[in-house]
C-alpha atoms as a PDB file:
ATOM      1  CA  SER A   1      -1.709 -11.148   5.353  1.00  0.00           C
ATOM      2  CA  GLY A   2      -2.818  -7.659   3.775  1.00  0.00           C
ATOM      3  CA  SER A   3      -3.981  -6.287   0.543  1.00  0.00           C
ATOM      4  CA  GLN A   4      -3.159  -7.175  -2.694  1.00  0.00           C
ATOM      5  CA  ALA A   5      -1.326  -4.986  -4.350  1.00  0.00           C
ATOM      6  CA  CYS A   6      -0.110  -3.936  -7.939  1.00  0.00           C
ATOM      7  CA  LEU A   7       3.149  -1.657  -9.134  1.00  0.00           C
ATOM      8  CA  VAL A   8       2.960   0.896 -11.657  1.00  0.00           C
ATOM      9  CA  CYS A   9       5.764   2.120 -13.450  1.00  0.00           C
ATOM     10  CA  SER A  10       5.063   5.528 -14.852  1.00  0.00           C
ATOM     11  CA  LEU A  11       8.243   7.418 -14.936  1.00  0.00           C
ATOM     12  CA  THR A  12       7.728   6.882 -18.767  1.00  0.00           C
ATOM     13  CA  ASN A  13       5.437   7.670 -21.530  1.00  0.00           C
ATOM     14  CA  PHE A  14       4.329   4.313 -21.418  1.00  0.00           C
ATOM     15  CA  PHE A  15       2.531   3.513 -18.346  1.00  0.00           C
ATOM     16  CA  LYS A  16       2.572  -0.441 -17.634  1.00  0.00           C
ATOM     17  CA  LEU A  17       1.120  -2.488 -14.550  1.00  0.00           C
ATOM     18  CA  ASP A  18       3.687  -5.442 -14.329  1.00  0.00           C
ATOM     19  CA  VAL A  19       4.418  -6.267 -10.668  1.00  0.00           C
ATOM     20  CA  LEU A  20       2.046  -7.799  -8.048  1.00  0.00           C
ATOM     21  CA  ALA A  21       2.718  -7.445  -4.188  1.00  0.00           C
ATOM     22  CA  ARG A  22       0.899  -7.809  -0.997  1.00  0.00           C
ATOM     23  CA  VAL A  23       0.741  -4.549   1.309  1.00  0.00           C
ATOM     24  CA  CYS A  24       2.298  -5.795   4.848  1.00  0.00           C
ATOM     25  CA  GLY A  25       1.984  -2.744   7.175  1.00  0.00           C
ATOM     26  CA  LEU A  26       2.581   0.948   7.339  1.00  0.00           C
ATOM     27  CA  ASN A  27       5.873   2.550   8.280  1.00  0.00           C
ATOM     28  CA  GLY A  28       7.485  -0.560   8.875  1.00  0.00           C
ATOM     29  CA  ARG A  29       4.709  -1.558  11.429  1.00  0.00           C
ATOM     30  CA  PRO A  30       2.027  -4.393  11.209  1.00  0.00           C
ATOM     31  CA  PHE A  31      -1.227  -2.441  10.780  1.00  0.00           C
ATOM     32  CA  ARG A  32      -2.326  -2.464  14.290  1.00  0.00           C
ATOM     33  CA  ASN A  33       0.237  -0.211  14.629  1.00  0.00           C
ATOM     34  CA  VAL A  34      -0.541   2.295  11.934  1.00  0.00           C
ATOM     35  CA  GLY A  35       2.048   5.198  12.122  1.00  0.00           C
ATOM     36  CA  CYS A  36       2.962   8.371   9.431  1.00  0.00           C
ATOM     37  CA  GLU A  37       5.046   9.143   7.175  1.00  0.00           C
ATOM     38  CA  TYR A  38       7.877  10.099   9.369  1.00  0.00           C
ATOM     39  CA  GLU A  39       9.811  11.348   6.503  1.00  0.00           C
ATOM     40  CA  ALA A  40       7.681  14.115   5.906  1.00  0.00           C
ATOM     41  CA  PHE A  41       8.739  15.949   9.293  1.00  0.00           C
ATOM     42  CA  ASP A  42      12.666  15.909   8.372  1.00  0.00           C
ATOM     43  CA  PRO A  43      13.398  19.015   7.142  1.00  0.00           C
ATOM     44  CA  ASN A  44      16.755  17.387   5.940  1.00  0.00           C
ATOM     45  CA  ASP A  45      14.643  15.022   3.956  1.00  0.00           C
ATOM     46  CA  HIS A  46      13.271  15.497   0.076  1.00  0.00           C
ATOM     47  CA  HIS A  47      10.230  14.166   1.163  1.00  0.00           C
ATOM     48  CA  PHE A  48       9.528  17.173   4.031  1.00  0.00           C
ATOM     49  CA  ASP A  49       6.066  18.883   4.022  1.00  0.00           C
ATOM     50  CA  ALA A  50       6.302  21.942   6.248  1.00  0.00           C
ATOM     51  CA  GLY A  51       2.356  21.626   6.507  1.00  0.00           C
ATOM     52  CA  SER A  52       2.123  18.284   7.625  1.00  0.00           C
ATOM     53  CA  ASP A  53       1.320  18.191  11.074  1.00  0.00           C
ATOM     54  CA  PRO A  54       2.561  15.230  13.218  1.00  0.00           C
ATOM     55  CA  ASP A  55      -0.902  15.010  15.171  1.00  0.00           C
ATOM     56  CA  ASN A  56      -2.877  14.993  11.915  1.00  0.00           C
ATOM     57  CA  PRO A  57      -0.498  14.017   9.380  1.00  0.00           C
ATOM     58  CA  ARG A  58      -1.145  13.897   5.291  1.00  0.00           C
ATOM     59  CA  TRP A  59       1.142  11.144   4.481  1.00  0.00           C
ATOM     60  CA  GLN A  60       1.388   7.443   5.041  1.00  0.00           C
ATOM     61  CA  MET A  61       3.882   4.870   3.995  1.00  0.00           C
ATOM     62  CA  VAL A  62       2.796   1.678   2.894  1.00  0.00           C
ATOM     63  CA  ASP A  63       5.103  -0.922   3.286  1.00  0.00           C
ATOM     64  CA  ILE A  64       4.703  -3.813   0.314  1.00  0.00           C
ATOM     65  CA  ARG A  65       6.271  -7.034  -0.050  1.00  0.00           C
ATOM     66  CA  TYR A  66       7.341  -8.558  -3.866  1.00  0.00           C
ATOM     67  CA  LYS A  67       5.162 -11.399  -4.783  1.00  0.00           C
ATOM     68  CA  ARG A  68       5.441 -11.142  -8.390  1.00  0.00           C
ATOM     69  CA  LYS A  69       5.928  -9.918 -12.005  1.00  0.00           C
ATOM     70  CA  THR A  70       2.902 -10.207 -14.179  1.00  0.00           C
ATOM     71  CA  ARG A  71       2.967 -12.451 -17.201  1.00  0.00           C
ATOM     72  CA  ARG A  72       2.846  -9.156 -19.214  1.00  0.00           C
ATOM     73  CA  PRO A  73       2.788  -5.927 -19.034  1.00  0.00           C
ATOM     74  CA  ILE A  74      -0.512  -3.915 -18.762  1.00  0.00           C
ATOM     75  CA  SER A  75      -0.516  -0.422 -20.242  1.00  0.00           C
ATOM     76  CA  LEU A  76      -3.047   2.256 -19.285  1.00  0.00           C
ATOM     77  CA  ALA A  77      -4.458   2.459 -22.657  1.00  0.00           C
ATOM     78  CA  GLU A  78      -5.449  -1.468 -22.635  1.00  0.00           C
ATOM     79  CA  LEU A  79      -7.005  -0.989 -19.594  1.00  0.00           C
ATOM     80  CA  ARG A  80      -9.175   2.292 -20.957  1.00  0.00           C
ATOM     81  CA  GLU A  81     -10.421  -0.500 -23.730  1.00  0.00           C
ATOM     82  CA  HIS A  82     -11.963  -2.247 -21.079  1.00  0.00           C
ATOM     83  CA  ALA A  83     -13.715   0.676 -19.623  1.00  0.00           C
ATOM     84  CA  HIS A  84     -16.967  -0.846 -19.321  1.00  0.00           C
ATOM     85  CA  GLN A  85     -15.807  -3.506 -17.444  1.00  0.00           C
ATOM     86  CA  LEU A  86     -13.411  -1.246 -15.296  1.00  0.00           C
ATOM     87  CA  ASP A  87     -16.283   1.489 -14.744  1.00  0.00           C
ATOM     88  CA  GLY A  88     -15.800   3.073 -11.225  1.00  0.00           C
ATOM     89  CA  LEU A  89     -12.136   2.168 -11.628  1.00  0.00           C
ATOM     90  CA  ALA A  90     -10.163   5.536  -9.606  1.00  0.00           C
ATOM     91  CA  LEU A  91      -7.348   4.768 -11.799  1.00  0.00           C
ATOM     92  CA  LEU A  92      -9.486   5.532 -15.235  1.00  0.00           C
ATOM     93  CA  ARG A  93     -11.085   8.796 -13.901  1.00  0.00           C
ATOM     94  CA  ARG A  94      -9.801  11.642 -15.909  1.00  0.00           C
ATOM     95  CA  GLY A  95      -7.327  14.008 -14.031  1.00  0.00           C
ATOM     96  CA  ASN A  96      -6.519  11.216 -11.662  1.00  0.00           C
ATOM     97  CA  ARG A  97      -2.895  11.221 -10.540  1.00  0.00           C
ATOM     98  CA  LEU A  98      -1.283   8.057  -9.696  1.00  0.00           C
ATOM     99  CA  SER A  99      -0.732   7.013  -6.360  1.00  0.00           C
ATOM    100  CA  VAL A 100      -2.006   4.622  -3.783  1.00  0.00           C
ATOM    101  CA  MET A 101      -5.776   3.963  -4.670  1.00  0.00           C
ATOM    102  CA  PRO A 102      -8.395   1.241  -3.774  1.00  0.00           C
ATOM    103  CA  VAL A 103      -9.399  -1.373  -6.356  1.00  0.00           C
ATOM    104  CA  SER A 104     -12.760  -3.372  -6.026  1.00  0.00           C
ATOM    105  CA  LYS A 105     -12.177  -7.071  -6.405  1.00  0.00           C
ATOM    106  CA  LYS A 106     -14.420  -7.617  -9.173  1.00  0.00           C
ATOM    107  CA  HIS A 107     -11.576  -5.086 -10.699  1.00  0.00           C
ATOM    108  CA  TRP A 108      -8.689  -6.907  -9.352  1.00  0.00           C
ATOM    109  CA  GLU A 109     -10.062 -10.076 -10.944  1.00  0.00           C
ATOM    110  CA  PHE A 110     -10.887  -8.555 -14.065  1.00  0.00           C
ATOM    111  CA  ILE A 111      -7.375  -6.903 -14.429  1.00  0.00           C
ATOM    112  CA  LEU A 112      -5.407  -9.859 -13.438  1.00  0.00           C
ATOM    113  CA  ALA A 113      -7.546 -12.161 -15.969  1.00  0.00           C
ATOM    114  CA  LEU A 114      -6.232  -9.442 -18.608  1.00  0.00           C
ATOM    115  CA  GLU A 115      -2.641 -10.972 -17.974  1.00  0.00           C
ATOM    116  CA  GLN A 116      -3.769 -14.426 -19.396  1.00  0.00           C
ATOM    117  CA  THR A 117      -4.407 -12.592 -22.811  1.00  0.00           C
ATOM    118  CA  LYS A 118      -2.616 -11.777 -25.901  1.00  0.00           C
ATOM    119  CA  THR A 119      -2.506  -8.309 -27.043  1.00  0.00           C
END
């Protein structure tokens, strides 16, 4: 099964949440066999991290499975308009870089409800 996930397009000036997915494991393994981000140890890979220790790795690879597109894109600006309802959401913290981060069930349900509304 796994946790629910959303993918965010952040390569442009318009940040948008537009794909829902399910986390199905790490490094191609089910959660019970979690491993590290193997590309961090390959000096020929552009993800190589000379400072990462195989016995205590800095990076993990999350495997996801596509679930569906959202009914409409939800922008970071729109999420910020609902800061009161999304209080504590890591994504809205100042200085936070986009990455993998937890989302509470309450916040997840609120964000999914936004796709039903018109902007």
